[in-house]
Amino acid sequence: MGPKRAYLVDWEWAEIGSPAGDLGHFLSPVTICRRQGYRMPATDRQFFLEAYYAALGDAALAKTMRLHFAAFGAFPALRSLCWTAGYWVTANRWYAEHDGASATERQRRWQDSRQRFPQLWAEVMALLEEPLP
């Protein structure tokens, strides 16, 4: 991190490729809502992306990233949505019969995700419908 730039290193999945997948995961309604209980308005999402593209400082690279994000940005959200549904199986079958703080917390998160799923589904499907630039 410096006075003009901050860098993010993704230690979870290190590979060479387009950062569009990381942007998609970061901006996924599933990730944001699940981690923070927050729904990012579309205007904030667009503001973030425009600031990101501008910060690249290279018009050709920004154009490429716009295309990459348009093509691949929604897939991490779809993947997270599938993980959420898979979590239901885990929480419902493995933790339903156990006592303790961890099992109780997992059951609470399971119920929370079930309540949020229809809205998250709609938001992710809307991402898949966004036009290419």
C-alpha atoms as a PDB file:
ATOM      1  CA  MET A   1       0.000   0.000   0.000  1.00  0.00           C
ATOM      2  CA  GLY A   2       1.295   3.416  -0.862  1.00  0.00           C
ATOM      3  CA  PRO A   3       0.108   7.009  -0.915  1.00  0.00           C
ATOM      4  CA  LYS A   4      -1.508   6.568  -4.341  1.00  0.00           C
ATOM      5  CA  ARG A   5      -2.203   2.852  -4.659  1.00  0.00           C
ATOM      6  CA  ALA A   6      -3.412  -0.109  -2.676  1.00  0.00           C
ATOM      7  CA  TYR A   7      -2.912  -3.685  -3.818  1.00  0.00           C
ATOM      8  CA  LEU A   8      -4.939  -6.728  -2.918  1.00  0.00           C
ATOM      9  CA  VAL A   9      -3.346 -10.150  -2.989  1.00  0.00           C
ATOM     10  CA  ASP A  10      -5.801 -13.013  -3.188  1.00  0.00           C
ATOM     11  CA  TRP A  11      -4.293 -15.699  -0.969  1.00  0.00           C
ATOM     12  CA  GLU A  12      -7.347 -17.920  -1.231  1.00  0.00           C
ATOM     13  CA  TRP A  13      -6.861 -18.759  -4.893  1.00  0.00           C
ATOM     14  CA  ALA A  14      -3.585 -17.645  -6.435  1.00  0.00           C
ATOM     15  CA  GLU A  15      -3.433 -17.964 -10.200  1.00  0.00           C
ATOM     16  CA  ILE A  16      -2.562 -15.951 -13.257  1.00  0.00           C
ATOM     17  CA  GLY A  17      -5.637 -14.732 -15.060  1.00  0.00           C
ATOM     18  CA  SER A  18      -8.139 -11.962 -15.389  1.00  0.00           C
ATOM     19  CA  PRO A  19      -9.131 -10.225 -12.156  1.00  0.00           C
ATOM     20  CA  ALA A  20     -12.730 -10.253 -13.434  1.00  0.00           C
ATOM     21  CA  GLY A  21     -13.470 -13.349 -11.336  1.00  0.00           C
ATOM     22  CA  ASP A  22     -12.192 -11.664  -8.175  1.00  0.00           C
ATOM     23  CA  LEU A  23     -14.211  -8.545  -8.970  1.00  0.00           C
ATOM     24  CA  GLY A  24     -17.262 -10.722  -9.552  1.00  0.00           C
ATOM     25  CA  HIS A  25     -16.787 -12.488  -6.231  1.00  0.00           C
ATOM     26  CA  PHE A  26     -16.161  -9.225  -4.392  1.00  0.00           C
ATOM     27  CA  LEU A  27     -19.246  -7.581  -5.927  1.00  0.00           C
ATOM     28  CA  SER A  28     -21.468 -10.667  -5.774  1.00  0.00           C
ATOM     29  CA  PRO A  29     -24.749  -9.969  -3.997  1.00  0.00           C
ATOM     30  CA  VAL A  30     -24.349 -13.369  -2.340  1.00  0.00           C
ATOM     31  CA  THR A  31     -20.891 -12.584  -0.939  1.00  0.00           C
ATOM     32  CA  ILE A  32     -21.802  -9.110   0.250  1.00  0.00           C
ATOM     33  CA  CYS A  33     -25.100 -10.132   1.806  1.00  0.00           C
ATOM     34  CA  ARG A  34     -23.784 -13.329   3.385  1.00  0.00           C
ATOM     35  CA  ARG A  35     -20.716 -11.683   4.903  1.00  0.00           C
ATOM     36  CA  GLN A  36     -22.076  -8.285   5.842  1.00  0.00           C
ATOM     37  CA  GLY A  37     -25.870  -8.529   5.633  1.00  0.00           C
ATOM     38  CA  TYR A  38     -25.682  -5.641   3.161  1.00  0.00           C
ATOM     39  CA  ARG A  39     -27.350  -5.180  -0.199  1.00  0.00           C
ATOM     40  CA  MET A  40     -25.194  -3.052  -2.483  1.00  0.00           C
ATOM     41  CA  PRO A  41     -27.312  -0.779  -4.667  1.00  0.00           C
ATOM     42  CA  ALA A  42     -26.669  -1.119  -8.390  1.00  0.00           C
ATOM     43  CA  THR A  43     -25.515   2.509  -8.482  1.00  0.00           C
ATOM     44  CA  ASP A  44     -22.811   1.782  -5.874  1.00  0.00           C
ATOM     45  CA  ARG A  45     -21.719  -1.310  -7.770  1.00  0.00           C
ATOM     46  CA  GLN A  46     -21.446   0.704 -10.976  1.00  0.00           C
ATOM     47  CA  PHE A  47     -19.590   3.503  -9.163  1.00  0.00           C
ATOM     48  CA  PHE A  48     -17.061   0.997  -7.830  1.00  0.00           C
ATOM     49  CA  LEU A  49     -16.516  -0.525 -11.266  1.00  0.00           C
ATOM     50  CA  GLU A  50     -16.085   2.867 -12.942  1.00  0.00           C
ATOM     51  CA  ALA A  51     -13.573   3.913 -10.270  1.00  0.00           C
ATOM     52  CA  TYR A  52     -11.751   0.596 -10.742  1.00  0.00           C
ATOM     53  CA  TYR A  53     -11.563   1.013 -14.526  1.00  0.00           C
ATOM     54  CA  ALA A  54     -10.410   4.625 -14.194  1.00  0.00           C
ATOM     55  CA  ALA A  55      -7.726   3.635 -11.668  1.00  0.00           C
ATOM     56  CA  LEU A  56      -6.208   1.258 -14.197  1.00  0.00           C
ATOM     57  CA  GLY A  57      -4.845   4.314 -16.000  1.00  0.00           C
ATOM     58  CA  ASP A  58      -4.879   2.545 -19.356  1.00  0.00           C
ATOM     59  CA  ALA A  59      -7.887   2.920 -21.661  1.00  0.00           C
ATOM     60  CA  ALA A  60      -7.149  -0.284 -23.587  1.00  0.00           C
ATOM     61  CA  LEU A  61      -6.780  -2.294 -20.375  1.00  0.00           C
ATOM     62  CA  ALA A  62      -9.965  -0.743 -18.979  1.00  0.00           C
ATOM     63  CA  LYS A  63     -11.832  -1.756 -22.153  1.00  0.00           C
ATOM     64  CA  THR A  64     -10.509  -5.317 -21.830  1.00  0.00           C
ATOM     65  CA  MET A  65     -11.484  -5.467 -18.156  1.00  0.00           C
ATOM     66  CA  ARG A  66     -14.985  -4.197 -18.956  1.00  0.00           C
ATOM     67  CA  LEU A  67     -15.368  -7.058 -21.434  1.00  0.00           C
ATOM     68  CA  HIS A  68     -13.910  -9.627 -19.029  1.00  0.00           C
ATOM     69  CA  PHE A  69     -16.166  -8.486 -16.215  1.00  0.00           C
ATOM     70  CA  ALA A  70     -19.234  -8.439 -18.468  1.00  0.00           C
ATOM     71  CA  ALA A  71     -18.439 -11.967 -19.621  1.00  0.00           C
ATOM     72  CA  PHE A  72     -17.203 -13.550 -16.383  1.00  0.00           C
ATOM     73  CA  GLY A  73     -18.234 -11.273 -13.520  1.00  0.00           C
ATOM     74  CA  ALA A  74     -21.582 -12.922 -12.840  1.00  0.00           C
ATOM     75  CA  PHE A  75     -20.254 -16.481 -12.605  1.00  0.00           C
ATOM     76  CA  PRO A  76     -18.714 -16.161  -9.124  1.00  0.00           C
ATOM     77  CA  ALA A  77     -22.120 -14.924  -7.929  1.00  0.00           C
ATOM     78  CA  LEU A  78     -23.810 -17.937  -9.492  1.00  0.00           C
ATOM     79  CA  ARG A  79     -21.204 -20.249  -7.949  1.00  0.00           C
ATOM     80  CA  SER A  80     -21.748 -18.652  -4.524  1.00  0.00           C
ATOM     81  CA  LEU A  81     -25.472 -19.099  -4.899  1.00  0.00           C
ATOM     82  CA  CYS A  82     -24.922 -22.819  -5.536  1.00  0.00           C
ATOM     83  CA  TRP A  83     -22.640 -23.032  -2.489  1.00  0.00           C
ATOM     84  CA  THR A  84     -25.378 -21.412  -0.435  1.00  0.00           C
ATOM     85  CA  ALA A  85     -27.856 -24.070  -1.538  1.00  0.00           C
ATOM     86  CA  GLY A  86     -25.261 -26.755  -0.821  1.00  0.00           C
ATOM     87  CA  TYR A  87     -24.738 -25.309   2.641  1.00  0.00           C
ATOM     88  CA  TRP A  88     -28.389 -25.999   3.366  1.00  0.00           C
ATOM     89  CA  VAL A  89     -27.757 -29.708   2.958  1.00  0.00           C
ATOM     90  CA  THR A  90     -24.742 -29.566   5.250  1.00  0.00           C
ATOM     91  CA  ALA A  91     -26.392 -27.474   7.938  1.00  0.00           C
ATOM     92  CA  ASN A  92     -29.707 -29.272   7.817  1.00  0.00           C
ATOM     93  CA  ARG A  93     -28.330 -32.803   7.852  1.00  0.00           C
ATOM     94  CA  TRP A  94     -25.125 -32.524   9.857  1.00  0.00           C
ATOM     95  CA  TYR A  95     -25.848 -29.846  12.421  1.00  0.00           C
ATOM     96  CA  ALA A  96     -29.570 -30.295  13.058  1.00  0.00           C
ATOM     97  CA  GLU A  97     -28.973 -33.091  15.547  1.00  0.00           C
ATOM     98  CA  HIS A  98     -26.033 -31.516  17.391  1.00  0.00           C
ATOM     99  CA  ASP A  99     -25.923 -29.182  20.351  1.00  0.00           C
ATOM    100  CA  GLY A 100     -23.369 -26.528  21.024  1.00  0.00           C
ATOM    101  CA  ALA A 101     -22.541 -23.014  19.968  1.00  0.00           C
ATOM    102  CA  SER A 102     -21.119 -23.963  16.556  1.00  0.00           C
ATOM    103  CA  ALA A 103     -24.120 -26.087  15.582  1.00  0.00           C
ATOM    104  CA  THR A 104     -26.516 -23.403  16.820  1.00  0.00           C
ATOM    105  CA  GLU A 105     -24.702 -20.724  14.799  1.00  0.00           C
ATOM    106  CA  ARG A 106     -24.720 -22.867  11.670  1.00  0.00           C
ATOM    107  CA  GLN A 107     -28.434 -23.499  12.056  1.00  0.00           C
ATOM    108  CA  ARG A 108     -29.031 -19.752  12.440  1.00  0.00           C
ATOM    109  CA  ARG A 109     -27.017 -19.053   9.267  1.00  0.00           C
ATOM    110  CA  TRP A 110     -28.943 -21.784   7.449  1.00  0.00           C
ATOM    111  CA  GLN A 111     -32.282 -20.203   8.350  1.00  0.00           C
ATOM    112  CA  ASP A 112     -30.986 -16.762   7.383  1.00  0.00           C
ATOM    113  CA  SER A 113     -29.790 -17.990   3.981  1.00  0.00           C
ATOM    114  CA  ARG A 114     -33.131 -19.694   3.308  1.00  0.00           C
ATOM    115  CA  GLN A 115     -34.931 -16.409   3.915  1.00  0.00           C
ATOM    116  CA  ARG A 116     -32.561 -14.447   1.679  1.00  0.00           C
ATOM    117  CA  PHE A 117     -32.279 -16.979  -1.148  1.00  0.00           C
ATOM    118  CA  PRO A 118     -35.212 -15.821  -3.340  1.00  0.00           C
ATOM    119  CA  GLN A 119     -33.941 -12.226  -3.427  1.00  0.00           C
ATOM    120  CA  LEU A 120     -30.338 -13.325  -3.994  1.00  0.00           C
ATOM    121  CA  TRP A 121     -31.491 -15.616  -6.811  1.00  0.00           C
ATOM    122  CA  ALA A 122     -33.246 -12.695  -8.505  1.00  0.00           C
ATOM    123  CA  GLU A 123     -30.189 -10.437  -8.133  1.00  0.00           C
ATOM    124  CA  VAL A 124     -27.808 -13.046  -9.562  1.00  0.00           C
ATOM    125  CA  MET A 125     -30.118 -13.796 -12.488  1.00  0.00           C
ATOM    126  CA  ALA A 126     -30.276 -10.052 -13.223  1.00  0.00           C
ATOM    127  CA  LEU A 127     -26.456 -10.019 -13.418  1.00  0.00           C
ATOM    128  CA  LEU A 128     -26.609 -12.732 -16.067  1.00  0.00           C
ATOM    129  CA  GLU A 129     -28.960 -10.570 -18.125  1.00  0.00           C
ATOM    130  CA  GLU A 130     -26.719  -7.489 -18.184  1.00  0.00           C
ATOM    131  CA  PRO A 131     -25.716  -6.559 -21.741  1.00  0.00           C
ATOM    132  CA  LEU A 132     -22.138  -6.772 -22.916  1.00  0.00           C
ATOM    133  CA  PRO A 133     -20.399  -3.403 -23.386  1.00  0.00           C
END
